[in-house]
Amino acid sequence: MASDLIALDTSNYGDPHAPGAERPAAEYVAGRLADIGYDVTYVESGAPGRGNVVARLAGADPSRGALLLHGHLDVVPADAADWTVHPFSGEVRDGYVWGRGAVDMKGAVAVTLAVARRLRREGVTPPRDLIFAFVADEEAGGWYGARWLVDNRPDLFEGATEAIGEVGGFSVTLGEDVRAYLVQTAEKGSMWLRLTAHGRAGHGSMLHDDNAIATLAAAVARLDAHRFPLVLTDPVRALLTGIADITGVPFDEADPQAAVDRLGPLARLVGAALRDTANVTLFDAGYRSNVVPATARATVDGRFLPGREEAFGRELVEVLGRRVRAEWDTLPPVRTSFDGALVESIAAAVEAEDPGARVLPYLLAAGTDAKSFQRLGIRHFGFTPLRLPPELDFSALFHGVDERVPVTALEFGTRVLDRLLRTC
């Protein structure tokens, strides 16, 4: 199923006015659920082609809060010229499923879909209601996916109190065949900034002391050089303490960066959770080589830690300076504690399939549809279990070239999720 889903090009280019590409994948998922007996709801969320699928499996105790399992069907674009295999082939090669979405997150969707079908086929009644949701537009903030569903069809998620989705559950090898599985309990807030600078237009051959491009470029350069303050949040502290306990290498809270630097490829993921970030992603100015334009624009991807939104905004304005106008849209951070019956069930399901493994919390520097579902009061954990080979630089595969996931990791994830849903 992972290969089938990857072969459906559901690239999200972030244009809210363009038709969505998710419908074929949504129809595929709906068909695989319906043919096993699920009562499926298909919804297009606010725009043509923005396909979403929701189904529910009744549990033994309807008085318990339902568990929502959600995944997104859209992917970021990919240029086939850069890839070893075609990004929308779903090819299986060298023990991996290759293609855009293998990691983010059609592989995980396939795991969830496979378990949902198995539970229904075997007539399993789980301890609590399970709600399966496969949604559109996550890669552009979920405005035409999870956010639209929460605002317009909250009935589909009635009774849900907890949720699991991306990004978490993947293994990190910390010693001689010792693995920890990271469970996301928090994620940064998102702030997308639109920057504008104005100057005097004129001929490119003249002297200019009010060049909009130069003004904006200087501001962006200041922002790129700026380092926001280090903040040690509870999930990062718990993660680094847990790693220290496993490895025996002490963790000094006064110098968390040193502990992060010892994590190898994982340092990229965890290091971004130590501070706010702001990266320029688009720059637009000018229309002829001999004309100095009156206006220059740029887009910045900002991510702020829980509790830092106001301070982050003030710091951005200060760094950019008075001559740059900044407007932005935000999505809130997400956070919950690493405790409760669901966490215990997650740990038990992982340990049953990988004896001696630990589960540890962490904070995700990116964003997920949890930002939308938390508006319904749903507690969120990032957990899509994968046992990965120690040499695989997993975090580099998100939105990367030659995205791929081991077949054995998907098989492991199916076993763990099946155990979890039968006991949670």
Foldseek 3Di string as FASTA:
>chain_A
DLLVLLLQAQADPLDPVDAGSQQVVLVVLQVLLVVLPWDKDWDFFPGHNFIKIKTKAAAPDAVAFEEEEEAESYFHDDDQVQFPHRQNRLDQDPQWRWHTQQVRHSLLVVLVSVLSSVCSNVVAHAHHMYMYMYGYDFVNPQVRILQSCVVPPVVSRPRHAAYEYDDWQEWADQDDLEIETEKAFKEWKKKKKKKKFFFDKDWQVDDGDTFRVVLQVVLQVLQVPDDFDFDCDPQLVQVLCVSCVVNVPDQDPVCNLVSLVVRPLCSVFQVLQGFKHKHWDAKDDDDDPTMRDGMIMTMIIITGHPPCVVVVVVVSDVSSDDRMDMDIDMQHMGHDDCDDDLNVLLQVLVCVLRPNYHYGYGYGHDDGSVSNVCVVNHRYMYHQHFYDDNVDSQVCLRVHHGRIHRPVRSVSSSSSVSSSRRHD
